[in-house]
Amino acid sequence: MNARNCAFDVIKFVSAFLVVCIHFAPHGNFLDAYVNAICRIAVPLFFIITGYHYDSICSAGKFKTYILRIIMLT
């Protein structure tokens, strides 16, 4: 079954926005340190979602194709 989980798409969208906030937020303010700390949850969320899909990728025999796609995108 190849169903797409829309909740993960929403989490990835919010995480991508948080990564942008990390890179473009002004620094030096007391409040900015807290905002930056909250935004840093984005990268671990990407790793968690990737780990969730890892088992299904390996069991379907698509691991080599998945890695090659990542290398080509990089």
N, C-alpha and C. Protein backbone atom coordinates (compact mmCIF):
# COMPACT_ATOMS: atom_id res chain seq x y z
N MET A 1 0.83 -1.17 0.00
CA MET A 1 0.00 0.00 0.00
C MET A 1 0.89 1.24 0.00
N ASN A 2 0.67 2.12 -0.93
CA ASN A 2 1.52 3.29 -1.09
C ASN A 2 0.72 4.56 -0.78
N ALA A 3 0.28 4.69 0.45
CA ALA A 3 -0.53 5.85 0.84
C ALA A 3 0.37 6.96 1.35
N ARG A 4 0.02 8.18 1.00
CA ARG A 4 0.80 9.34 1.43
C ARG A 4 0.22 9.88 2.73
N ASN A 5 1.08 10.15 3.69
CA ASN A 5 0.65 10.66 4.97
C ASN A 5 0.71 12.19 4.92
N CYS A 6 -0.44 12.83 4.83
CA CYS A 6 -0.50 14.29 4.70
C CYS A 6 -0.03 15.01 5.95
N ALA A 7 -0.14 14.38 7.10
CA ALA A 7 0.33 15.02 8.33
C ALA A 7 1.85 15.22 8.28
N PHE A 8 2.57 14.27 7.70
CA PHE A 8 4.01 14.44 7.55
C PHE A 8 4.34 15.59 6.60
N ASP A 9 3.53 15.75 5.57
CA ASP A 9 3.76 16.86 4.65
C ASP A 9 3.59 18.20 5.35
N VAL A 10 2.61 18.29 6.22
CA VAL A 10 2.40 19.54 6.96
C VAL A 10 3.57 19.79 7.92
N ILE A 11 4.01 18.74 8.60
CA ILE A 11 5.15 18.89 9.51
C ILE A 11 6.40 19.30 8.76
N LYS A 12 6.63 18.71 7.58
CA LYS A 12 7.80 19.08 6.78
C LYS A 12 7.70 20.51 6.28
N PHE A 13 6.51 20.96 5.93
CA PHE A 13 6.31 22.35 5.50
C PHE A 13 6.65 23.32 6.63
N VAL A 14 6.13 23.05 7.81
CA VAL A 14 6.40 23.92 8.96
C VAL A 14 7.89 23.87 9.31
N SER A 15 8.48 22.69 9.23
CA SER A 15 9.91 22.56 9.53
C SER A 15 10.76 23.34 8.54
N ALA A 16 10.38 23.31 7.28
CA ALA A 16 11.13 24.08 6.28
C ALA A 16 11.05 25.58 6.58
N PHE A 17 9.88 26.04 6.99
CA PHE A 17 9.72 27.44 7.38
C PHE A 17 10.60 27.77 8.59
N LEU A 18 10.67 26.86 9.55
CA LEU A 18 11.49 27.09 10.73
C LEU A 18 12.97 27.13 10.38
N VAL A 19 13.42 26.33 9.43
CA VAL A 19 14.81 26.38 8.99
C VAL A 19 15.11 27.73 8.36
N VAL A 20 14.19 28.24 7.58
CA VAL A 20 14.37 29.57 7.00
C VAL A 20 14.45 30.62 8.10
N CYS A 21 13.62 30.48 9.12
CA CYS A 21 13.65 31.41 10.25
C CYS A 21 14.99 31.37 10.98
N ILE A 22 15.60 30.20 11.08
CA ILE A 22 16.91 30.08 11.72
C ILE A 22 17.93 30.90 10.95
N HIS A 23 17.89 30.81 9.64
CA HIS A 23 18.93 31.45 8.82
C HIS A 23 18.72 32.95 8.64
N PHE A 24 17.50 33.41 8.71
CA PHE A 24 17.23 34.82 8.42
C PHE A 24 16.81 35.63 9.63
N ALA A 25 16.79 35.04 10.80
CA ALA A 25 16.39 35.78 12.00
C ALA A 25 17.51 36.71 12.43
N PRO A 26 17.17 37.93 12.84
CA PRO A 26 18.22 38.83 13.35
C PRO A 26 18.74 38.32 14.69
N HIS A 27 20.00 38.55 14.93
CA HIS A 27 20.63 38.08 16.16
C HIS A 27 20.97 39.26 17.06
N GLY A 28 21.10 39.01 18.33
CA GLY A 28 21.51 40.03 19.26
C GLY A 28 20.43 40.45 20.23
N ASN A 29 19.22 40.09 19.99
CA ASN A 29 18.12 40.43 20.86
C ASN A 29 17.90 39.29 21.85
N PHE A 30 17.40 39.61 23.03
CA PHE A 30 17.14 38.59 24.05
C PHE A 30 16.06 37.62 23.60
N LEU A 31 15.02 38.12 22.96
CA LEU A 31 13.92 37.28 22.49
C LEU A 31 14.35 36.39 21.32
N ASP A 32 15.27 36.86 20.51
CA ASP A 32 15.72 36.08 19.36
C ASP A 32 16.40 34.78 19.76
N ALA A 33 17.03 34.75 20.90
CA ALA A 33 17.66 33.51 21.37
C ALA A 33 16.60 32.44 21.63
N TYR A 34 15.47 32.83 22.16
CA TYR A 34 14.39 31.87 22.40
C TYR A 34 13.74 31.42 21.10
N VAL A 35 13.53 32.34 20.19
CA VAL A 35 12.94 31.99 18.90
C VAL A 35 13.87 31.04 18.14
N ASN A 36 15.16 31.33 18.18
CA ASN A 36 16.14 30.47 17.51
C ASN A 36 16.14 29.07 18.14
N ALA A 37 16.05 29.00 19.46
CA ALA A 37 16.03 27.70 20.13
C ALA A 37 14.78 26.90 19.77
N ILE A 38 13.65 27.56 19.66
CA ILE A 38 12.41 26.87 19.28
C ILE A 38 12.48 26.40 17.83
N CYS A 39 13.05 27.21 16.96
CA CYS A 39 13.13 26.86 15.54
C CYS A 39 14.07 25.70 15.28
N ARG A 40 14.97 25.44 16.18
CA ARG A 40 15.95 24.37 15.97
C ARG A 40 15.36 22.96 16.09
N ILE A 41 14.08 22.85 16.36
CA ILE A 41 13.41 21.55 16.37
C ILE A 41 13.21 21.02 14.96
N ALA A 42 13.38 21.88 13.96
CA ALA A 42 13.07 21.52 12.57
C ALA A 42 13.96 20.39 12.04
N VAL A 43 15.26 20.47 12.24
CA VAL A 43 16.16 19.45 11.67
C VAL A 43 15.92 18.08 12.30
N PRO A 44 15.78 17.98 13.62
CA PRO A 44 15.45 16.64 14.17
C PRO A 44 14.11 16.09 13.65
N LEU A 45 13.15 16.96 13.37
CA LEU A 45 11.88 16.48 12.82
C LEU A 45 12.09 15.85 11.45
N PHE A 46 12.94 16.46 10.62
CA PHE A 46 13.25 15.86 9.32
C PHE A 46 13.88 14.48 9.49
N PHE A 47 14.79 14.34 10.45
CA PHE A 47 15.42 13.05 10.69
C PHE A 47 14.41 12.02 11.20
N ILE A 48 13.49 12.43 12.04
CA ILE A 48 12.48 11.51 12.56
C ILE A 48 11.58 11.01 11.44
N ILE A 49 11.16 11.90 10.56
CA ILE A 49 10.29 11.50 9.45
C ILE A 49 11.03 10.57 8.49
N THR A 50 12.31 10.87 8.24
CA THR A 50 13.11 10.00 7.38
C THR A 50 13.27 8.62 8.00
N GLY A 51 13.49 8.57 9.30
CA GLY A 51 13.62 7.29 10.00
C GLY A 51 12.33 6.50 9.98
N TYR A 52 11.21 7.18 10.02
CA TYR A 52 9.91 6.50 9.96
C TYR A 52 9.74 5.80 8.61
N HIS A 53 10.19 6.42 7.55
CA HIS A 53 10.05 5.85 6.21
C HIS A 53 11.17 4.88 5.85
N TYR A 54 12.20 4.81 6.65
CA TYR A 54 13.37 3.98 6.34
C TYR A 54 13.01 2.50 6.21
N ASP A 55 12.22 1.99 7.13
CA ASP A 55 11.89 0.57 7.12
C ASP A 55 11.10 0.18 5.86
N SER A 56 10.15 1.03 5.48
CA SER A 56 9.36 0.70 4.28
C SER A 56 10.20 0.81 3.01
N ILE A 57 11.17 1.70 3.00
CA ILE A 57 12.06 1.82 1.84
C ILE A 57 12.95 0.59 1.72
N CYS A 58 13.50 0.15 2.84
CA CYS A 58 14.38 -1.03 2.81
C CYS A 58 13.62 -2.30 2.48
N SER A 59 12.42 -2.46 3.04
CA SER A 59 11.67 -3.68 2.78
C SER A 59 11.15 -3.75 1.35
N ALA A 60 10.98 -2.62 0.70
CA ALA A 60 10.52 -2.61 -0.68
C ALA A 60 11.68 -2.77 -1.66
N GLY A 61 12.91 -2.78 -1.16
CA GLY A 61 14.08 -2.93 -2.02
C GLY A 61 14.40 -1.67 -2.81
N LYS A 62 14.01 -0.54 -2.30
CA LYS A 62 14.22 0.73 -3.01
C LYS A 62 15.32 1.57 -2.38
N PHE A 63 16.12 0.99 -1.49
CA PHE A 63 17.12 1.78 -0.77
C PHE A 63 18.16 2.36 -1.71
N LYS A 64 18.65 1.56 -2.64
CA LYS A 64 19.69 2.03 -3.57
C LYS A 64 19.14 3.17 -4.43
N THR A 65 17.93 3.03 -4.92
CA THR A 65 17.30 4.09 -5.73
C THR A 65 17.11 5.35 -4.90
N TYR A 66 16.71 5.18 -3.64
CA TYR A 66 16.49 6.32 -2.73
C TYR A 66 17.80 7.09 -2.50
N ILE A 67 18.88 6.37 -2.24
CA ILE A 67 20.17 7.01 -2.02
C ILE A 67 20.67 7.71 -3.28
N LEU A 68 20.49 7.07 -4.43
CA LEU A 68 20.92 7.69 -5.68
C LEU A 68 20.14 8.98 -5.97
N ARG A 69 18.84 8.99 -5.65
CA ARG A 69 18.04 10.21 -5.83
C ARG A 69 18.55 11.34 -4.92
N ILE A 70 18.89 10.99 -3.69
CA ILE A 70 19.42 12.00 -2.76
C ILE A 70 20.75 12.53 -3.24
N ILE A 71 21.61 11.67 -3.73
CA ILE A 71 22.91 12.11 -4.24
C ILE A 71 22.74 13.00 -5.45
N MET A 72 21.84 12.66 -6.34
CA MET A 72 21.60 13.49 -7.53
C MET A 72 21.06 14.86 -7.14
N LEU A 73 20.18 14.92 -6.14
CA LEU A 73 19.64 16.19 -5.70
C LEU A 73 20.70 17.03 -5.00
N THR A 74 21.62 16.38 -4.34
CA THR A 74 22.67 17.11 -3.63
C THR A 74 23.67 17.66 -4.62
